[in-house]
Amino acid sequence: MIKTSRSLSIGDMLGTGVAMLRRYPRLWLSLYLVEFVVAAIVAWVVARILVDQFGTLPIFDRAVQGDLIALLNVLGEGRSSFAAVLLLVMGALGGYVVLSWYLIGGANAVLIQRPEARREVVECFGTGGAATFYSYFRLALWTVIPHGICFAALSVGLSLGADSLKYAITGGDVVRAVIFPLIPVAALYWLNATAIDYARIELSRRAGPAGRPDRASEAEFDDSTAAERPAIRSAKPLSAIGALVRGYRTVVTNPRPLVHVLLYGLFFASVSVVYVALTHGRPMSGATGAIAIFAIRQVVLFTRYTGKIVCAGGQVAFSQGRS
């Protein structure tokens, strides 16, 4: 029997996320490989552009090794090439954002419906991603508003930090000047990102035929009491703005979704710190060093990715338990 959101603890959300990670390992590995291939193609194209333009210059070797002056000189001499690289990267990011609407929609569908057989998983993922693609697109248009507010707050924070930095004397003054103005921005982004996650889940839950509850909720409530059954809602159509409003209402009226995402953020940061500790100050030159740094980085990226899957599984569980 599934719990309502009022009785669902942070531990329950984490436990459900881990269970979903273990239940569909091939799906999550496939999605990670998609991200890896896209990133590898873009990185290869960027590397080819830079090597063809600067590969014969000794100063480029020094820039790659971390020489700041050499890097500035290379940037000054190859503005057109770096502009092309910037446009390429921006285009790739934009394309991946569009692709992610399908991937996230499919992943949410699997987490909600919880199919059993491999063929059912593939069908659920494909139909779920297609069913929510345009809804996610409309949601992305609406999220321009909260993202714009967040960007404005960032601009104000950077301006205040720059003013305080002029009078910074000690290292502590520098930290306070840089970090403190950005704390409200980080909190605002945390709120926005969590609300958008729940808005996507709400759209995915209502992507099926009208009046049909999601399969997981229907199955797990077969033995529920009449008092518990209000937690099962029919999949009534929901607009993108309606889903976004419900997302913000979820995070404003209950602290657990925010705490849950905060734990994922701390996990992400901890993995990053471990990565820096493993690589900082350790010479990794030559082919062996390149392979080592590549392997370590892939382990770090995959670990972060599994943390996100666990987080998404817990978010779906909380959304299904809402009355």
C-alpha atoms as a PDB file:
ATOM      1  CA  MET A   1       0.000   0.000   0.000  1.00  0.00           C
ATOM      2  CA  ILE A   2       1.428   3.339  -1.039  1.00  0.00           C
ATOM      3  CA  LYS A   3       1.702   6.059   1.586  1.00  0.00           C
ATOM      4  CA  THR A   4       0.164   9.507   1.356  1.00  0.00           C
ATOM      5  CA  SER A   5       2.530  12.461   1.149  1.00  0.00           C
ATOM      6  CA  ARG A   6       1.713  13.381   4.755  1.00  0.00           C
ATOM      7  CA  SER A   7       3.045  10.046   6.019  1.00  0.00           C
ATOM      8  CA  LEU A   8       5.847   9.723   3.444  1.00  0.00           C
ATOM      9  CA  SER A   9       9.163  10.490   5.133  1.00  0.00           C
ATOM     10  CA  ILE A  10      12.443  11.549   3.556  1.00  0.00           C
ATOM     11  CA  GLY A  11      13.699   8.023   4.207  1.00  0.00           C
ATOM     12  CA  ASP A  12      10.709   6.585   2.321  1.00  0.00           C
ATOM     13  CA  MET A  13      11.438   8.874  -0.638  1.00  0.00           C
ATOM     14  CA  LEU A  14      15.094   7.844  -0.689  1.00  0.00           C
ATOM     15  CA  GLY A  15      14.179   4.180  -0.332  1.00  0.00           C
ATOM     16  CA  THR A  16      11.742   4.359  -3.245  1.00  0.00           C
ATOM     17  CA  GLY A  17      14.355   6.085  -5.374  1.00  0.00           C
ATOM     18  CA  VAL A  18      16.942   3.403  -4.647  1.00  0.00           C
ATOM     19  CA  ALA A  19      14.352   0.696  -5.432  1.00  0.00           C
ATOM     20  CA  MET A  20      13.609   2.310  -8.812  1.00  0.00           C
ATOM     21  CA  LEU A  21      17.329   2.543  -9.533  1.00  0.00           C
ATOM     22  CA  ARG A  22      17.765  -1.176  -8.863  1.00  0.00           C
ATOM     23  CA  ARG A  23      14.566  -2.130 -10.700  1.00  0.00           C
ATOM     24  CA  TYR A  24      15.492  -0.640 -14.094  1.00  0.00           C
ATOM     25  CA  PRO A  25      19.312  -0.631 -14.300  1.00  0.00           C
ATOM     26  CA  ARG A  26      19.428  -1.167 -18.077  1.00  0.00           C
ATOM     27  CA  LEU A  27      17.164   1.791 -18.730  1.00  0.00           C
ATOM     28  CA  TRP A  28      19.225   4.182 -16.611  1.00  0.00           C
ATOM     29  CA  LEU A  29      22.477   2.916 -18.131  1.00  0.00           C
ATOM     30  CA  SER A  30      21.051   3.448 -21.619  1.00  0.00           C
ATOM     31  CA  LEU A  31      20.044   7.017 -20.788  1.00  0.00           C
ATOM     32  CA  TYR A  32      23.486   7.727 -19.382  1.00  0.00           C
ATOM     33  CA  LEU A  33      25.101   6.386 -22.541  1.00  0.00           C
ATOM     34  CA  VAL A  34      22.939   8.748 -24.606  1.00  0.00           C
ATOM     35  CA  GLU A  35      24.234  11.690 -22.576  1.00  0.00           C
ATOM     36  CA  PHE A  36      27.788  10.381 -22.861  1.00  0.00           C
ATOM     37  CA  VAL A  37      27.624   9.970 -26.651  1.00  0.00           C
ATOM     38  CA  VAL A  38      26.184  13.460 -27.170  1.00  0.00           C
ATOM     39  CA  ALA A  39      28.847  15.029 -24.944  1.00  0.00           C
ATOM     40  CA  ALA A  40      31.630  12.994 -26.592  1.00  0.00           C
ATOM     41  CA  ILE A  41      30.600  14.067 -30.102  1.00  0.00           C
ATOM     42  CA  VAL A  42      30.515  17.735 -29.135  1.00  0.00           C
ATOM     43  CA  ALA A  43      33.859  17.469 -27.315  1.00  0.00           C
ATOM     44  CA  TRP A  44      35.456  15.749 -30.319  1.00  0.00           C
ATOM     45  CA  VAL A  45      34.235  18.421 -32.743  1.00  0.00           C
ATOM     46  CA  VAL A  46      35.427  21.225 -30.445  1.00  0.00           C
ATOM     47  CA  ALA A  47      38.817  19.544 -30.041  1.00  0.00           C
ATOM     48  CA  ARG A  48      39.200  19.166 -33.795  1.00  0.00           C
ATOM     49  CA  ILE A  49      38.420  22.844 -34.366  1.00  0.00           C
ATOM     50  CA  LEU A  50      40.948  23.968 -31.756  1.00  0.00           C
ATOM     51  CA  VAL A  51      43.672  21.543 -32.838  1.00  0.00           C
ATOM     52  CA  ASP A  52      43.304  22.462 -36.512  1.00  0.00           C
ATOM     53  CA  GLN A  53      43.515  26.156 -35.630  1.00  0.00           C
ATOM     54  CA  PHE A  54      46.182  26.158 -32.910  1.00  0.00           C
ATOM     55  CA  GLY A  55      47.694  22.663 -32.845  1.00  0.00           C
ATOM     56  CA  THR A  56      51.001  23.757 -34.398  1.00  0.00           C
ATOM     57  CA  LEU A  57      51.553  26.644 -31.980  1.00  0.00           C
ATOM     58  CA  PRO A  58      53.746  25.952 -28.909  1.00  0.00           C
ATOM     59  CA  ILE A  59      51.780  28.559 -26.973  1.00  0.00           C
ATOM     60  CA  PHE A  60      48.658  26.392 -27.346  1.00  0.00           C
ATOM     61  CA  ASP A  61      50.405  23.521 -25.549  1.00  0.00           C
ATOM     62  CA  ARG A  62      51.217  25.830 -22.652  1.00  0.00           C
ATOM     63  CA  ALA A  63      47.624  27.080 -22.584  1.00  0.00           C
ATOM     64  CA  VAL A  64      46.298  23.503 -22.393  1.00  0.00           C
ATOM     65  CA  GLN A  65      48.694  22.800 -19.506  1.00  0.00           C
ATOM     66  CA  GLY A  66      47.229  25.683 -17.493  1.00  0.00           C
ATOM     67  CA  ASP A  67      49.385  28.702 -18.404  1.00  0.00           C
ATOM     68  CA  LEU A  68      46.952  31.617 -17.935  1.00  0.00           C
ATOM     69  CA  ILE A  69      48.989  34.125 -19.968  1.00  0.00           C
ATOM     70  CA  ALA A  70      49.292  31.669 -22.862  1.00  0.00           C
ATOM     71  CA  LEU A  71      45.565  30.990 -22.686  1.00  0.00           C
ATOM     72  CA  LEU A  72      44.766  34.713 -22.871  1.00  0.00           C
ATOM     73  CA  ASN A  73      47.064  35.091 -25.880  1.00  0.00           C
ATOM     74  CA  VAL A  74      45.382  32.161 -27.648  1.00  0.00           C
ATOM     75  CA  LEU A  75      41.955  33.617 -26.925  1.00  0.00           C
ATOM     76  CA  GLY A  76      43.045  36.972 -28.323  1.00  0.00           C
ATOM     77  CA  GLU A  77      44.482  35.512 -31.532  1.00  0.00           C
ATOM     78  CA  GLY A  78      41.632  33.090 -32.265  1.00  0.00           C
ATOM     79  CA  ARG A  79      38.487  35.039 -31.537  1.00  0.00           C
ATOM     80  CA  SER A  80      36.669  33.781 -34.641  1.00  0.00           C
ATOM     81  CA  SER A  81      37.463  30.146 -33.833  1.00  0.00           C
ATOM     82  CA  PHE A  82      36.347  30.474 -30.231  1.00  0.00           C
ATOM     83  CA  ALA A  83      33.186  32.238 -31.389  1.00  0.00           C
ATOM     84  CA  ALA A  84      32.443  29.248 -33.629  1.00  0.00           C
ATOM     85  CA  VAL A  85      33.109  26.891 -30.717  1.00  0.00           C
ATOM     86  CA  LEU A  86      30.793  28.916 -28.489  1.00  0.00           C
ATOM     87  CA  LEU A  87      28.006  28.800 -31.079  1.00  0.00           C
ATOM     88  CA  LEU A  88      28.537  25.069 -31.515  1.00  0.00           C
ATOM     89  CA  VAL A  89      28.341  24.418 -27.775  1.00  0.00           C
ATOM     90  CA  MET A  90      25.256  26.623 -27.386  1.00  0.00           C
ATOM     91  CA  GLY A  91      23.571  24.838 -30.282  1.00  0.00           C
ATOM     92  CA  ALA A  92      24.417  21.441 -28.801  1.00  0.00           C
ATOM     93  CA  LEU A  93      23.056  22.490 -25.413  1.00  0.00           C
ATOM     94  CA  GLY A  94      19.868  23.755 -27.000  1.00  0.00           C
ATOM     95  CA  GLY A  95      19.450  20.520 -28.936  1.00  0.00           C
ATOM     96  CA  TYR A  96      20.035  18.434 -25.836  1.00  0.00           C
ATOM     97  CA  VAL A  97      17.470  20.464 -23.872  1.00  0.00           C
ATOM     98  CA  VAL A  98      14.892  19.583 -26.526  1.00  0.00           C
ATOM     99  CA  LEU A  99      15.957  15.927 -26.448  1.00  0.00           C
ATOM    100  CA  SER A 100      15.767  15.943 -22.645  1.00  0.00           C
ATOM    101  CA  TRP A 101      12.029  16.720 -22.784  1.00  0.00           C
ATOM    102  CA  TYR A 102      11.524  13.330 -24.403  1.00  0.00           C
ATOM    103  CA  LEU A 103      14.023  11.515 -22.164  1.00  0.00           C
ATOM    104  CA  ILE A 104      12.666  12.965 -18.916  1.00  0.00           C
ATOM    105  CA  GLY A 105       9.090  12.333 -20.015  1.00  0.00           C
ATOM    106  CA  GLY A 106       9.909   8.707 -20.747  1.00  0.00           C
ATOM    107  CA  ALA A 107      11.784   8.256 -17.468  1.00  0.00           C
ATOM    108  CA  ASN A 108       8.926   9.804 -15.467  1.00  0.00           C
ATOM    109  CA  ALA A 109       6.445   7.514 -17.233  1.00  0.00           C
ATOM    110  CA  VAL A 110       8.459   4.449 -16.198  1.00  0.00           C
ATOM    111  CA  LEU A 111       8.756   5.672 -12.609  1.00  0.00           C
ATOM    112  CA  ILE A 112       5.009   6.321 -12.468  1.00  0.00           C
ATOM    113  CA  GLN A 113       3.659   3.247 -14.281  1.00  0.00           C
ATOM    114  CA  ARG A 114       6.367   0.802 -13.090  1.00  0.00           C
ATOM    115  CA  PRO A 115       6.132  -1.739 -15.941  1.00  0.00           C
ATOM    116  CA  GLU A 116       7.444  -5.244 -15.373  1.00  0.00           C
ATOM    117  CA  ALA A 117       8.644  -6.868 -18.616  1.00  0.00           C
ATOM    118  CA  ARG A 118      11.465  -5.387 -20.665  1.00  0.00           C
ATOM    119  CA  ARG A 119       9.182  -4.819 -23.647  1.00  0.00           C
ATOM    120  CA  GLU A 120       6.684  -3.015 -21.424  1.00  0.00           C
ATOM    121  CA  VAL A 121       9.465  -0.780 -20.107  1.00  0.00           C
ATOM    122  CA  VAL A 122      10.499   0.194 -23.637  1.00  0.00           C
ATOM    123  CA  GLU A 123       6.900   0.848 -24.694  1.00  0.00           C
ATOM    124  CA  CYS A 124       6.163   2.828 -21.542  1.00  0.00           C
ATOM    125  CA  PHE A 125       9.286   4.942 -21.997  1.00  0.00           C
ATOM    126  CA  GLY A 126       8.587   5.649 -25.669  1.00  0.00           C
ATOM    127  CA  THR A 127       4.902   6.475 -25.304  1.00  0.00           C
ATOM    128  CA  GLY A 128       5.513   8.484 -22.125  1.00  0.00           C
ATOM    129  CA  GLY A 129       8.208  10.607 -23.744  1.00  0.00           C
ATOM    130  CA  ALA A 130       6.071  11.254 -26.823  1.00  0.00           C
ATOM    131  CA  ALA A 131       2.908  11.987 -24.821  1.00  0.00           C
ATOM    132  CA  THR A 132       4.533  14.686 -22.688  1.00  0.00           C
ATOM    133  CA  PHE A 133       6.921  16.239 -25.230  1.00  0.00           C
ATOM    134  CA  TYR A 134       4.747  19.205 -26.186  1.00  0.00           C
ATOM    135  CA  SER A 135       3.502  19.626 -22.619  1.00  0.00           C
ATOM    136  CA  TYR A 136       7.106  19.874 -21.452  1.00  0.00           C
ATOM    137  CA  PHE A 137       7.786  22.369 -24.237  1.00  0.00           C
ATOM    138  CA  ARG A 138       4.932  24.581 -23.054  1.00  0.00           C
ATOM    139  CA  LEU A 139       6.136  24.197 -19.481  1.00  0.00           C
ATOM    140  CA  ALA A 140       9.618  25.307 -20.584  1.00  0.00           C
ATOM    141  CA  LEU A 141       8.086  28.479 -22.033  1.00  0.00           C
ATOM    142  CA  TRP A 142       6.352  29.254 -18.746  1.00  0.00           C
ATOM    143  CA  THR A 143       9.531  28.619 -16.755  1.00  0.00           C
ATOM    144  CA  VAL A 144      11.159  31.543 -18.541  1.00  0.00           C
ATOM    145  CA  ILE A 145       9.429  33.713 -15.917  1.00  0.00           C
ATOM    146  CA  PRO A 146      10.948  32.109 -12.765  1.00  0.00           C
ATOM    147  CA  HIS A 147      14.280  31.644 -14.539  1.00  0.00           C
ATOM    148  CA  GLY A 148      14.235  35.321 -15.513  1.00  0.00           C
ATOM    149  CA  ILE A 149      13.589  36.306 -11.890  1.00  0.00           C
ATOM    150  CA  CYS A 150      16.458  34.073 -10.803  1.00  0.00           C
ATOM    151  CA  PHE A 151      18.768  35.632 -13.409  1.00  0.00           C
ATOM    152  CA  ALA A 152      17.798  39.133 -12.265  1.00  0.00           C
ATOM    153  CA  ALA A 153      18.575  38.171  -8.665  1.00  0.00           C
ATOM    154  CA  LEU A 154      21.925  36.802  -9.834  1.00  0.00           C
ATOM    155  CA  SER A 155      22.752  40.080 -11.556  1.00  0.00           C
ATOM    156  CA  VAL A 156      21.927  42.020  -8.405  1.00  0.00           C
ATOM    157  CA  GLY A 157      23.962  39.608  -6.276  1.00  0.00           C
ATOM    158  CA  LEU A 158      26.998  39.866  -8.551  1.00  0.00           C
ATOM    159  CA  SER A 159      26.731  43.657  -8.535  1.00  0.00           C
ATOM    160  CA  LEU A 160      26.582  43.763  -4.735  1.00  0.00           C
ATOM    161  CA  GLY A 161      29.480  41.315  -4.530  1.00  0.00           C
ATOM    162  CA  ALA A 162      31.584  43.415  -6.891  1.00  0.00           C
ATOM    163  CA  ASP A 163      30.947  46.527  -4.778  1.00  0.00           C
ATOM    164  CA  SER A 164      31.908  44.705  -1.560  1.00  0.00           C
ATOM    165  CA  LEU A 165      34.960  43.157  -3.204  1.00  0.00           C
ATOM    166  CA  LYS A 166      36.497  46.603  -3.691  1.00  0.00           C
ATOM    167  CA  TYR A 167      36.863  46.960   0.063  1.00  0.00           C
ATOM    168  CA  ALA A 168      37.876  43.353   0.815  1.00  0.00           C
ATOM    169  CA  ILE A 169      41.184  43.049   2.680  1.00  0.00           C
ATOM    170  CA  THR A 170      41.365  39.584   4.182  1.00  0.00           C
ATOM    171  CA  GLY A 171      40.484  36.222   2.682  1.00  0.00           C
ATOM    172  CA  GLY A 172      37.347  36.141   4.803  1.00  0.00           C
ATOM    173  CA  ASP A 173      36.274  39.484   3.359  1.00  0.00           C
ATOM    174  CA  VAL A 174      36.662  38.068  -0.148  1.00  0.00           C
ATOM    175  CA  VAL A 175      34.606  34.984   0.704  1.00  0.00           C
ATOM    176  CA  ARG A 176      31.842  37.054   2.272  1.00  0.00           C
ATOM    177  CA  ALA A 177      31.808  39.447  -0.675  1.00  0.00           C
ATOM    178  CA  VAL A 178      31.498  36.639  -3.197  1.00  0.00           C
ATOM    179  CA  ILE A 179      29.404  34.007  -1.383  1.00  0.00           C
ATOM    180  CA  PHE A 180      26.910  35.895   0.770  1.00  0.00           C
ATOM    181  CA  PRO A 181      25.178  37.829  -2.077  1.00  0.00           C
ATOM    182  CA  LEU A 182      24.701  34.560  -3.978  1.00  0.00           C
ATOM    183  CA  ILE A 183      22.990  32.655  -1.137  1.00  0.00           C
ATOM    184  CA  PRO A 184      19.509  34.118  -1.902  1.00  0.00           C
ATOM    185  CA  VAL A 185      20.045  33.310  -5.594  1.00  0.00           C
ATOM    186  CA  ALA A 186      20.918  29.703  -4.783  1.00  0.00           C
ATOM    187  CA  ALA A 187      17.829  29.415  -2.554  1.00  0.00           C
ATOM    188  CA  LEU A 188      15.627  30.829  -5.317  1.00  0.00           C
ATOM    189  CA  TYR A 189      17.080  28.430  -7.883  1.00  0.00           C
ATOM    190  CA  TRP A 190      16.572  25.533  -5.448  1.00  0.00           C
ATOM    191  CA  LEU A 191      12.897  26.463  -5.082  1.00  0.00           C
ATOM    192  CA  ASN A 192      12.391  26.910  -8.844  1.00  0.00           C
ATOM    193  CA  ALA A 193      14.166  23.698  -9.857  1.00  0.00           C
ATOM    194  CA  THR A 194      12.218  21.607  -7.348  1.00  0.00           C
ATOM    195  CA  ALA A 195       8.879  23.090  -8.395  1.00  0.00           C
ATOM    196  CA  ILE A 196       9.654  22.463 -12.072  1.00  0.00           C
ATOM    197  CA  ASP A 197      10.538  18.833 -11.323  1.00  0.00           C
ATOM    198  CA  TYR A 198       7.158  18.303  -9.665  1.00  0.00           C
ATOM    199  CA  ALA A 199       5.382  20.151 -12.479  1.00  0.00           C
ATOM    200  CA  ARG A 200       6.862  17.698 -15.007  1.00  0.00           C
ATOM    201  CA  ILE A 201       5.752  14.764 -12.879  1.00  0.00           C
ATOM    202  CA  GLU A 202       2.209  16.145 -12.705  1.00  0.00           C
ATOM    203  CA  LEU A 203       2.119  16.453 -16.503  1.00  0.00           C
ATOM    204  CA  SER A 204       3.404  12.895 -16.886  1.00  0.00           C
ATOM    205  CA  ARG A 205       0.807  11.530 -14.481  1.00  0.00           C
ATOM    206  CA  ARG A 206      -1.947  13.024 -16.632  1.00  0.00           C
ATOM    207  CA  ALA A 207      -0.524  12.055 -20.004  1.00  0.00           C
ATOM    208  CA  GLY A 208      -2.681   8.884 -20.296  1.00  0.00           C
ATOM    209  CA  PRO A 209      -6.346   8.541 -21.126  1.00  0.00           C
ATOM    210  CA  ALA A 210      -8.600  10.916 -19.208  1.00  0.00           C
ATOM    211  CA  GLY A 211     -10.015   9.459 -16.037  1.00  0.00           C
ATOM    212  CA  ARG A 212      -7.447   6.659 -15.727  1.00  0.00           C
ATOM    213  CA  PRO A 213      -5.201   6.644 -12.641  1.00  0.00           C
ATOM    214  CA  ASP A 214      -1.559   5.773 -13.044  1.00  0.00           C
ATOM    215  CA  ARG A 215      -0.952   2.025 -12.884  1.00  0.00           C
ATOM    216  CA  ALA A 216       1.331   2.029  -9.832  1.00  0.00           C
ATOM    217  CA  SER A 217      -1.095   3.990  -7.673  1.00  0.00           C
ATOM    218  CA  GLU A 218      -4.050   1.883  -8.802  1.00  0.00           C
ATOM    219  CA  ALA A 219      -2.277  -1.385  -8.028  1.00  0.00           C
ATOM    220  CA  GLU A 220      -0.868  -0.351  -4.672  1.00  0.00           C
ATOM    221  CA  PHE A 221      -4.193   1.039  -3.454  1.00  0.00           C
ATOM    222  CA  ASP A 222      -6.169  -2.145  -4.159  1.00  0.00           C
ATOM    223  CA  ASP A 223      -6.164  -2.918  -0.427  1.00  0.00           C
ATOM    224  CA  SER A 224      -6.490   0.682   0.744  1.00  0.00           C
ATOM    225  CA  THR A 225      -9.295   1.924   2.946  1.00  0.00           C
ATOM    226  CA  ALA A 226     -11.917   4.364   1.797  1.00  0.00           C
ATOM    227  CA  ALA A 227     -10.216   7.133   3.755  1.00  0.00           C
ATOM    228  CA  GLU A 228      -6.994   6.560   1.834  1.00  0.00           C
ATOM    229  CA  ARG A 229      -8.505   6.388  -1.632  1.00  0.00           C
ATOM    230  CA  PRO A 230      -8.674  10.165  -2.235  1.00  0.00           C
ATOM    231  CA  ALA A 231      -4.930   9.976  -2.844  1.00  0.00           C
ATOM    232  CA  ILE A 232      -5.762   8.257  -6.160  1.00  0.00           C
ATOM    233  CA  ARG A 233      -6.748  10.917  -8.679  1.00  0.00           C
ATOM    234  CA  SER A 234      -7.910  10.363 -12.195  1.00  0.00           C
ATOM    235  CA  ALA A 235      -5.567  11.557 -14.868  1.00  0.00           C
ATOM    236  CA  LYS A 236      -7.499  14.696 -15.740  1.00  0.00           C
ATOM    237  CA  PRO A 237      -5.917  16.962 -18.348  1.00  0.00           C
ATOM    238  CA  LEU A 238      -3.668  19.610 -16.845  1.00  0.00           C
ATOM    239  CA  SER A 239      -2.225  22.678 -18.546  1.00  0.00           C
ATOM    240  CA  ALA A 240       1.454  23.557 -18.325  1.00  0.00           C
ATOM    241  CA  ILE A 241       0.791  26.624 -16.188  1.00  0.00           C
ATOM    242  CA  GLY A 242      -1.533  24.561 -13.982  1.00  0.00           C
ATOM    243  CA  ALA A 243       1.213  21.984 -13.480  1.00  0.00           C
ATOM    244  CA  LEU A 244       3.720  24.720 -12.633  1.00  0.00           C
ATOM    245  CA  VAL A 245       1.345  26.220 -10.074  1.00  0.00           C
ATOM    246  CA  ARG A 246       0.849  22.781  -8.528  1.00  0.00           C
ATOM    247  CA  GLY A 247       4.623  22.345  -8.444  1.00  0.00           C
ATOM    248  CA  TYR A 248       5.120  25.564  -6.512  1.00  0.00           C
ATOM    249  CA  ARG A 249       2.240  24.715  -4.208  1.00  0.00           C
ATOM    250  CA  THR A 250       3.880  21.359  -3.469  1.00  0.00           C
ATOM    251  CA  VAL A 251       7.207  22.877  -2.419  1.00  0.00           C
ATOM    252  CA  VAL A 252       5.693  25.831  -0.557  1.00  0.00           C
ATOM    253  CA  THR A 253       3.186  23.847   1.522  1.00  0.00           C
ATOM    254  CA  ASN A 254       5.505  20.983   2.503  1.00  0.00           C
ATOM    255  CA  PRO A 255       9.221  21.227   3.340  1.00  0.00           C
ATOM    256  CA  ARG A 256      10.056  17.602   2.509  1.00  0.00           C
ATOM    257  CA  PRO A 257      10.372  18.036  -1.277  1.00  0.00           C
ATOM    258  CA  LEU A 258      12.904  20.835  -0.744  1.00  0.00           C
ATOM    259  CA  VAL A 259      14.826  18.904   1.896  1.00  0.00           C
ATOM    260  CA  HIS A 260      14.842  15.870  -0.381  1.00  0.00           C
ATOM    261  CA  VAL A 261      16.350  17.859  -3.262  1.00  0.00           C
ATOM    262  CA  LEU A 262      18.794  19.522  -0.861  1.00  0.00           C
ATOM    263  CA  LEU A 263      20.112  16.078   0.073  1.00  0.00           C
ATOM    264  CA  TYR A 264      20.693  15.379  -3.615  1.00  0.00           C
ATOM    265  CA  GLY A 265      22.517  18.712  -3.921  1.00  0.00           C
ATOM    266  CA  LEU A 266      24.752  17.815  -0.978  1.00  0.00           C
ATOM    267  CA  PHE A 267      25.428  14.406  -2.534  1.00  0.00           C
ATOM    268  CA  PHE A 268      26.328  16.094  -5.834  1.00  0.00           C
ATOM    269  CA  ALA A 269      28.672  18.514  -4.071  1.00  0.00           C
ATOM    270  CA  SER A 270      30.294  15.737  -2.032  1.00  0.00           C
ATOM    271  CA  VAL A 271      31.056  13.713  -5.150  1.00  0.00           C
ATOM    272  CA  SER A 272      32.554  16.826  -6.752  1.00  0.00           C
ATOM    273  CA  VAL A 273      34.768  17.425  -3.721  1.00  0.00           C
ATOM    274  CA  VAL A 274      36.009  13.844  -3.870  1.00  0.00           C
ATOM    275  CA  TYR A 275      36.817  14.301  -7.554  1.00  0.00           C
ATOM    276  CA  VAL A 276      38.840  17.448  -6.844  1.00  0.00           C
ATOM    277  CA  ALA A 277      40.652  15.698  -3.993  1.00  0.00           C
ATOM    278  CA  LEU A 278      41.583  12.785  -6.255  1.00  0.00           C
ATOM    279  CA  THR A 279      42.867  14.909  -9.124  1.00  0.00           C
ATOM    280  CA  HIS A 280      44.218  18.152  -7.640  1.00  0.00           C
ATOM    281  CA  GLY A 281      47.988  18.349  -7.456  1.00  0.00           C
ATOM    282  CA  ARG A 282      48.498  14.944  -9.028  1.00  0.00           C
ATOM    283  CA  PRO A 283      50.404  14.966 -12.331  1.00  0.00           C
ATOM    284  CA  MET A 284      48.485  13.029 -14.969  1.00  0.00           C
ATOM    285  CA  SER A 285      50.464  13.560 -18.135  1.00  0.00           C
ATOM    286  CA  GLY A 286      50.709  11.403 -21.220  1.00  0.00           C
ATOM    287  CA  ALA A 287      48.314   8.755 -22.453  1.00  0.00           C
ATOM    288  CA  THR A 288      48.138   7.002 -19.074  1.00  0.00           C
ATOM    289  CA  GLY A 289      47.216  10.229 -17.303  1.00  0.00           C
ATOM    290  CA  ALA A 290      44.585  11.068 -19.895  1.00  0.00           C
ATOM    291  CA  ILE A 291      42.993   7.640 -19.546  1.00  0.00           C
ATOM    292  CA  ALA A 292      43.069   7.886 -15.754  1.00  0.00           C
ATOM    293  CA  ILE A 293      41.445  11.321 -15.629  1.00  0.00           C
ATOM    294  CA  PHE A 294      38.834  10.203 -18.184  1.00  0.00           C
ATOM    295  CA  ALA A 295      37.974   7.089 -16.148  1.00  0.00           C
ATOM    296  CA  ILE A 296      37.743   9.031 -12.865  1.00  0.00           C
ATOM    297  CA  ARG A 297      35.556  11.666 -14.451  1.00  0.00           C
ATOM    298  CA  GLN A 298      33.173   9.076 -15.902  1.00  0.00           C
ATOM    299  CA  VAL A 299      32.820   7.422 -12.503  1.00  0.00           C
ATOM    300  CA  VAL A 300      32.037  10.823 -10.984  1.00  0.00           C
ATOM    301  CA  LEU A 301      29.494  11.704 -13.680  1.00  0.00           C
ATOM    302  CA  PHE A 302      27.771   8.324 -13.431  1.00  0.00           C
ATOM    303  CA  THR A 303      27.632   8.565  -9.632  1.00  0.00           C
ATOM    304  CA  ARG A 304      25.987  11.976  -9.873  1.00  0.00           C
ATOM    305  CA  TYR A 305      23.592  10.593 -12.453  1.00  0.00           C
ATOM    306  CA  THR A 306      22.509   7.714 -10.209  1.00  0.00           C
ATOM    307  CA  GLY A 307      21.888  10.246  -7.452  1.00  0.00           C
ATOM    308  CA  LYS A 308      19.550  12.140  -9.771  1.00  0.00           C
ATOM    309  CA  ILE A 309      17.633   8.940 -10.590  1.00  0.00           C
ATOM    310  CA  VAL A 310      17.205   8.217  -6.874  1.00  0.00           C
ATOM    311  CA  CYS A 311      15.986  11.781  -6.371  1.00  0.00           C
ATOM    312  CA  ALA A 312      13.492  11.507  -9.256  1.00  0.00           C
ATOM    313  CA  GLY A 313      12.135   8.216  -7.914  1.00  0.00           C
ATOM    314  CA  GLY A 314      11.485   9.804  -4.532  1.00  0.00           C
ATOM    315  CA  GLN A 315       9.802  12.811  -6.135  1.00  0.00           C
ATOM    316  CA  VAL A 316       7.433  10.577  -8.083  1.00  0.00           C
ATOM    317  CA  ALA A 317       6.572   8.669  -4.899  1.00  0.00           C
ATOM    318  CA  PHE A 318       5.773  11.923  -3.092  1.00  0.00           C
ATOM    319  CA  SER A 319       3.657  13.183  -5.990  1.00  0.00           C
ATOM    320  CA  GLN A 320       1.677   9.915  -6.120  1.00  0.00           C
ATOM    321  CA  GLY A 321       0.984  10.156  -2.411  1.00  0.00           C
ATOM    322  CA  ARG A 322      -0.549  13.620  -2.573  1.00  0.00           C
ATOM    323  CA  SER A 323      -4.250  13.912  -1.942  1.00  0.00           C
END
